[in-house]
């Protein structure tokens, strides 16, 4: 899968950034996010490529070029917003059906839909990342599901049916004046 990620949106969603952060804390937060993506099982197994776009309304002109942080493509939207840059990338995509836009902004989800790409909210993306990490583990290391998959064994099903077959009766208390 090819992901277009609204960088600051994802940083907020995972809790590595908040509204009260000092500007000097932004670069380490961005690096943490980019390292996490580059180290992910999805990236290591080449199940995904990541392009992360950050807002850069007041950034210097040199930040507008695209760079690579290890295996993650990074773009700063010079004098623009990440949303604007992601929409430009969607418009110029050779095969938008292979793209997934990751953001909690409904505007980007609508843009993705119009371009015939997918739009995922950050919780869906994080769930996908966790599932990719789990499936990359050797079978012996995978965690078992909390709930059993499939129907219960016949003896267990019969026991449950006996328990729930007894109707519950309710008695009404007379109303007190």
C-alpha atoms as a PDB file:
ATOM      1  CA  UNK A   1       0.000   0.000   0.000  1.00  0.00           C
ATOM      2  CA  UNK A   2       1.124   3.548  -0.654  1.00  0.00           C
ATOM      3  CA  UNK A   3       0.288   5.990   2.111  1.00  0.00           C
ATOM      4  CA  UNK A   4       0.029   9.789   1.977  1.00  0.00           C
ATOM      5  CA  UNK A   5       0.128  10.894   5.603  1.00  0.00           C
ATOM      6  CA  UNK A   6      -0.805  14.239   7.138  1.00  0.00           C
ATOM      7  CA  UNK A   7       2.225  14.345   9.444  1.00  0.00           C
ATOM      8  CA  UNK A   8       1.153  16.738  12.188  1.00  0.00           C
ATOM      9  CA  UNK A   9      -2.305  15.172  12.219  1.00  0.00           C
ATOM     10  CA  UNK A  10      -0.794  11.745  12.918  1.00  0.00           C
ATOM     11  CA  UNK A  11       1.604  13.210  15.505  1.00  0.00           C
ATOM     12  CA  UNK A  12      -1.371  14.647  17.390  1.00  0.00           C
ATOM     13  CA  UNK A  13      -3.290  11.368  17.122  1.00  0.00           C
ATOM     14  CA  UNK A  14      -0.482   9.263  18.612  1.00  0.00           C
ATOM     15  CA  UNK A  15       0.122  11.824  21.361  1.00  0.00           C
ATOM     16  CA  UNK A  16       3.645  12.841  20.332  1.00  0.00           C
ATOM     17  CA  UNK A  17       2.554  16.435  19.736  1.00  0.00           C
ATOM     18  CA  UNK A  18       0.160  18.839  21.421  1.00  0.00           C
ATOM     19  CA  UNK A  19      -0.997  22.418  20.983  1.00  0.00           C
ATOM     20  CA  UNK A  20       1.250  23.700  23.770  1.00  0.00           C
ATOM     21  CA  UNK A  21       4.512  22.374  22.312  1.00  0.00           C
ATOM     22  CA  UNK A  22       7.370  24.781  21.777  1.00  0.00           C
ATOM     23  CA  UNK A  23       8.590  25.099  18.181  1.00  0.00           C
ATOM     24  CA  UNK A  24      11.935  23.623  19.228  1.00  0.00           C
ATOM     25  CA  UNK A  25      10.166  20.352  20.110  1.00  0.00           C
ATOM     26  CA  UNK A  26       8.692  19.879  16.627  1.00  0.00           C
ATOM     27  CA  UNK A  27      11.829  18.530  14.930  1.00  0.00           C
ATOM     28  CA  UNK A  28      12.364  15.754  17.521  1.00  0.00           C
ATOM     29  CA  UNK A  29       8.674  14.828  17.334  1.00  0.00           C
ATOM     30  CA  UNK A  30       8.844  14.635  13.530  1.00  0.00           C
ATOM     31  CA  UNK A  31      11.996  12.498  13.728  1.00  0.00           C
ATOM     32  CA  UNK A  32      10.307  10.147  16.202  1.00  0.00           C
ATOM     33  CA  UNK A  33       7.348   9.675  13.855  1.00  0.00           C
ATOM     34  CA  UNK A  34       9.549   9.139  10.801  1.00  0.00           C
ATOM     35  CA  UNK A  35      11.756   6.642  12.673  1.00  0.00           C
ATOM     36  CA  UNK A  36       8.674   4.762  13.844  1.00  0.00           C
ATOM     37  CA  UNK A  37       7.383   4.495  10.271  1.00  0.00           C
ATOM     38  CA  UNK A  38      10.794   3.489   8.875  1.00  0.00           C
ATOM     39  CA  UNK A  39      11.228   0.828  11.579  1.00  0.00           C
ATOM     40  CA  UNK A  40       7.713  -0.561  11.130  1.00  0.00           C
ATOM     41  CA  UNK A  41       7.137  -4.099   9.932  1.00  0.00           C
ATOM     42  CA  UNK A  42       5.080  -2.684   7.056  1.00  0.00           C
ATOM     43  CA  UNK A  43       8.097  -0.744   5.808  1.00  0.00           C
ATOM     44  CA  UNK A  44      10.644  -3.513   6.486  1.00  0.00           C
ATOM     45  CA  UNK A  45       8.578  -6.099   4.608  1.00  0.00           C
ATOM     46  CA  UNK A  46       7.854  -3.601   1.842  1.00  0.00           C
ATOM     47  CA  UNK A  47       4.124  -4.017   2.414  1.00  0.00           C
ATOM     48  CA  UNK A  48       3.873  -0.217   2.429  1.00  0.00           C
ATOM     49  CA  UNK A  49       5.520   2.968   1.308  1.00  0.00           C
ATOM     50  CA  UNK A  50       5.089   6.158   3.281  1.00  0.00           C
ATOM     51  CA  UNK A  51       5.053   9.779   2.155  1.00  0.00           C
ATOM     52  CA  UNK A  52       4.584  12.132   5.098  1.00  0.00           C
ATOM     53  CA  UNK A  53       3.578  15.745   4.456  1.00  0.00           C
ATOM     54  CA  UNK A  54       4.057  18.444   7.094  1.00  0.00           C
ATOM     55  CA  UNK A  55       2.646  21.975   7.133  1.00  0.00           C
ATOM     56  CA  UNK A  56       5.287  24.652   6.525  1.00  0.00           C
ATOM     57  CA  UNK A  57       3.356  27.932   6.290  1.00  0.00           C
ATOM     58  CA  UNK A  58       6.214  29.938   7.774  1.00  0.00           C
ATOM     59  CA  UNK A  59       9.057  27.644   6.803  1.00  0.00           C
ATOM     60  CA  UNK A  60      12.034  28.726   4.740  1.00  0.00           C
ATOM     61  CA  UNK A  61      11.954  27.974   1.011  1.00  0.00           C
ATOM     62  CA  UNK A  62      14.496  25.167   1.237  1.00  0.00           C
ATOM     63  CA  UNK A  63      12.025  23.086   3.262  1.00  0.00           C
ATOM     64  CA  UNK A  64       9.744  22.766   0.252  1.00  0.00           C
ATOM     65  CA  UNK A  65      11.879  20.116  -1.414  1.00  0.00           C
ATOM     66  CA  UNK A  66      11.123  16.470  -0.849  1.00  0.00           C
ATOM     67  CA  UNK A  67      13.642  14.511   1.168  1.00  0.00           C
ATOM     68  CA  UNK A  68      13.970  10.992   2.445  1.00  0.00           C
ATOM     69  CA  UNK A  69      14.249  10.007   6.078  1.00  0.00           C
ATOM     70  CA  UNK A  70      15.665   6.520   5.759  1.00  0.00           C
ATOM     71  CA  UNK A  71      12.933   4.860   3.640  1.00  0.00           C
ATOM     72  CA  UNK A  72      10.190   7.417   4.293  1.00  0.00           C
ATOM     73  CA  UNK A  73       9.565  10.234   1.823  1.00  0.00           C
ATOM     74  CA  UNK A  74       9.125  13.576   3.599  1.00  0.00           C
ATOM     75  CA  UNK A  75       7.607  16.726   2.171  1.00  0.00           C
ATOM     76  CA  UNK A  76       7.064  20.153   3.721  1.00  0.00           C
ATOM     77  CA  UNK A  77       4.227  22.195   2.255  1.00  0.00           C
ATOM     78  CA  UNK A  78       6.074  25.499   1.792  1.00  0.00           C
ATOM     79  CA  UNK A  79       3.748  28.470   2.425  1.00  0.00           C
ATOM     80  CA  UNK A  80       0.876  26.037   2.297  1.00  0.00           C
ATOM     81  CA  UNK A  81      -0.822  23.369   4.354  1.00  0.00           C
ATOM     82  CA  UNK A  82      -0.261  19.636   4.352  1.00  0.00           C
ATOM     83  CA  UNK A  83      -3.867  19.279   3.183  1.00  0.00           C
ATOM     84  CA  UNK A  84      -3.167  21.432   0.116  1.00  0.00           C
ATOM     85  CA  UNK A  85       0.006  19.489  -0.721  1.00  0.00           C
ATOM     86  CA  UNK A  86      -1.705  16.113  -0.269  1.00  0.00           C
ATOM     87  CA  UNK A  87      -4.481  17.234  -2.621  1.00  0.00           C
ATOM     88  CA  UNK A  88      -1.826  18.228  -5.195  1.00  0.00           C
ATOM     89  CA  UNK A  89      -0.198  14.814  -4.844  1.00  0.00           C
ATOM     90  CA  UNK A  90      -3.582  13.128  -5.300  1.00  0.00           C
ATOM     91  CA  UNK A  91      -4.273  15.179  -8.427  1.00  0.00           C
ATOM     92  CA  UNK A  92      -0.887  14.237  -9.911  1.00  0.00           C
ATOM     93  CA  UNK A  93      -0.946  10.569  -8.934  1.00  0.00           C
ATOM     94  CA  UNK A  94      -0.502   8.108 -11.802  1.00  0.00           C
ATOM     95  CA  UNK A  95      -2.601   5.455 -10.042  1.00  0.00           C
ATOM     96  CA  UNK A  96      -4.602   7.038  -7.198  1.00  0.00           C
ATOM     97  CA  UNK A  97      -6.451   3.758  -6.536  1.00  0.00           C
ATOM     98  CA  UNK A  98      -3.245   2.503  -4.930  1.00  0.00           C
ATOM     99  CA  UNK A  99      -3.079   5.444  -2.488  1.00  0.00           C
ATOM    100  CA  UNK A 100      -4.370   5.681   1.063  1.00  0.00           C
ATOM    101  CA  UNK A 101      -4.631   9.143   2.609  1.00  0.00           C
ATOM    102  CA  UNK A 102      -4.162   9.086   6.390  1.00  0.00           C
ATOM    103  CA  UNK A 103      -5.738  12.031   8.178  1.00  0.00           C
ATOM    104  CA  UNK A 104      -8.570  12.896  10.515  1.00  0.00           C
ATOM    105  CA  UNK A 105      -9.545  15.783   8.222  1.00  0.00           C
ATOM    106  CA  UNK A 106     -12.774  15.080   6.362  1.00  0.00           C
ATOM    107  CA  UNK A 107     -11.677  17.454   3.607  1.00  0.00           C
ATOM    108  CA  UNK A 108      -8.865  15.058   2.718  1.00  0.00           C
ATOM    109  CA  UNK A 109     -11.179  12.070   2.852  1.00  0.00           C
ATOM    110  CA  UNK A 110     -13.470  13.782   0.348  1.00  0.00           C
ATOM    111  CA  UNK A 111     -10.481  14.636  -1.878  1.00  0.00           C
ATOM    112  CA  UNK A 112      -9.311  11.023  -1.710  1.00  0.00           C
ATOM    113  CA  UNK A 113     -12.778   9.772  -2.628  1.00  0.00           C
ATOM    114  CA  UNK A 114     -12.977  12.118  -5.615  1.00  0.00           C
ATOM    115  CA  UNK A 115      -9.540  10.942  -6.803  1.00  0.00           C
ATOM    116  CA  UNK A 116     -10.623   7.302  -6.296  1.00  0.00           C
ATOM    117  CA  UNK A 117      -8.089   6.815  -3.513  1.00  0.00           C
ATOM    118  CA  UNK A 118      -8.867   5.581  -0.014  1.00  0.00           C
ATOM    119  CA  UNK A 119      -9.132   7.786   3.057  1.00  0.00           C
ATOM    120  CA  UNK A 120      -8.345   6.371   6.487  1.00  0.00           C
ATOM    121  CA  UNK A 121      -8.738   8.043   9.837  1.00  0.00           C
ATOM    122  CA  UNK A 122      -5.691   7.681  12.069  1.00  0.00           C
ATOM    123  CA  UNK A 123      -7.187   4.920  14.281  1.00  0.00           C
ATOM    124  CA  UNK A 124      -7.723   2.737  11.189  1.00  0.00           C
ATOM    125  CA  UNK A 125      -4.128   3.365  10.108  1.00  0.00           C
ATOM    126  CA  UNK A 126      -2.782   2.523  13.577  1.00  0.00           C
ATOM    127  CA  UNK A 127      -4.851  -0.681  13.613  1.00  0.00           C
ATOM    128  CA  UNK A 128      -3.423  -1.592  10.205  1.00  0.00           C
ATOM    129  CA  UNK A 129       0.114  -0.930  11.440  1.00  0.00           C
ATOM    130  CA  UNK A 130      -0.459  -3.159  14.486  1.00  0.00           C
ATOM    131  CA  UNK A 131      -1.881  -5.925  12.307  1.00  0.00           C
ATOM    132  CA  UNK A 132       1.099  -5.659   9.931  1.00  0.00           C
ATOM    133  CA  UNK A 133       3.482  -5.919  12.893  1.00  0.00           C
ATOM    134  CA  UNK A 134       1.618  -8.949  14.235  1.00  0.00           C
ATOM    135  CA  UNK A 135       1.566 -10.758  10.887  1.00  0.00           C
ATOM    136  CA  UNK A 136       5.302 -10.117  10.398  1.00  0.00           C
ATOM    137  CA  UNK A 137       6.112 -12.070  13.569  1.00  0.00           C
ATOM    138  CA  UNK A 138       6.971 -15.756  13.341  1.00  0.00           C
ATOM    139  CA  UNK A 139       3.886 -17.912  13.977  1.00  0.00           C
ATOM    140  CA  UNK A 140       5.165 -19.030  17.396  1.00  0.00           C
ATOM    141  CA  UNK A 141       5.394 -15.409  18.602  1.00  0.00           C
ATOM    142  CA  UNK A 142       1.968 -14.235  17.469  1.00  0.00           C
ATOM    143  CA  UNK A 143      -0.554 -13.429  20.150  1.00  0.00           C
ATOM    144  CA  UNK A 144      -3.754 -15.397  20.259  1.00  0.00           C
ATOM    145  CA  UNK A 145      -7.030 -13.630  19.702  1.00  0.00           C
ATOM    146  CA  UNK A 146      -8.885 -12.522  22.823  1.00  0.00           C
ATOM    147  CA  UNK A 147     -12.084 -13.954  21.440  1.00  0.00           C
ATOM    148  CA  UNK A 148     -12.137 -17.380  19.799  1.00  0.00           C
ATOM    149  CA  UNK A 149     -12.749 -17.394  16.089  1.00  0.00           C
ATOM    150  CA  UNK A 150     -15.519 -19.468  14.593  1.00  0.00           C
ATOM    151  CA  UNK A 151     -18.388 -21.291  16.253  1.00  0.00           C
ATOM    152  CA  UNK A 152     -17.949 -22.791  19.726  1.00  0.00           C
ATOM    153  CA  UNK A 153     -17.472 -26.565  20.089  1.00  0.00           C
ATOM    154  CA  UNK A 154     -20.815 -28.446  20.175  1.00  0.00           C
ATOM    155  CA  UNK A 155     -20.645 -29.271  23.903  1.00  0.00           C
ATOM    156  CA  UNK A 156     -19.948 -25.630  24.796  1.00  0.00           C
ATOM    157  CA  UNK A 157     -22.775 -24.419  22.538  1.00  0.00           C
ATOM    158  CA  UNK A 158     -25.192 -26.884  24.149  1.00  0.00           C
ATOM    159  CA  UNK A 159     -24.211 -25.717  27.647  1.00  0.00           C
ATOM    160  CA  UNK A 160     -24.776 -22.081  26.684  1.00  0.00           C
ATOM    161  CA  UNK A 161     -28.155 -22.863  25.169  1.00  0.00           C
ATOM    162  CA  UNK A 162     -29.240 -24.641  28.370  1.00  0.00           C
ATOM    163  CA  UNK A 163     -28.228 -21.645  30.492  1.00  0.00           C
ATOM    164  CA  UNK A 164     -30.001 -19.105  28.330  1.00  0.00           C
ATOM    165  CA  UNK A 165     -33.047 -21.283  27.661  1.00  0.00           C
ATOM    166  CA  UNK A 166     -34.497 -20.568  31.091  1.00  0.00           C
ATOM    167  CA  UNK A 167     -36.759 -17.535  30.802  1.00  0.00           C
ATOM    168  CA  UNK A 168     -36.188 -14.731  33.233  1.00  0.00           C
ATOM    169  CA  UNK A 169     -39.286 -13.600  35.043  1.00  0.00           C
ATOM    170  CA  UNK A 170     -39.681 -10.148  36.414  1.00  0.00           C
ATOM    171  CA  UNK A 171     -42.025  -9.227  39.213  1.00  0.00           C
ATOM    172  CA  UNK A 172     -43.389  -5.756  39.454  1.00  0.00           C
ATOM    173  CA  UNK A 173     -43.460  -4.071  42.771  1.00  0.00           C
ATOM    174  CA  UNK A 174     -46.678  -2.271  43.454  1.00  0.00           C
ATOM    175  CA  UNK A 175     -46.399   1.466  43.039  1.00  0.00           C
ATOM    176  CA  UNK A 176     -46.220   3.329  46.303  1.00  0.00           C
ATOM    177  CA  UNK A 177     -48.426   6.385  46.684  1.00  0.00           C
END
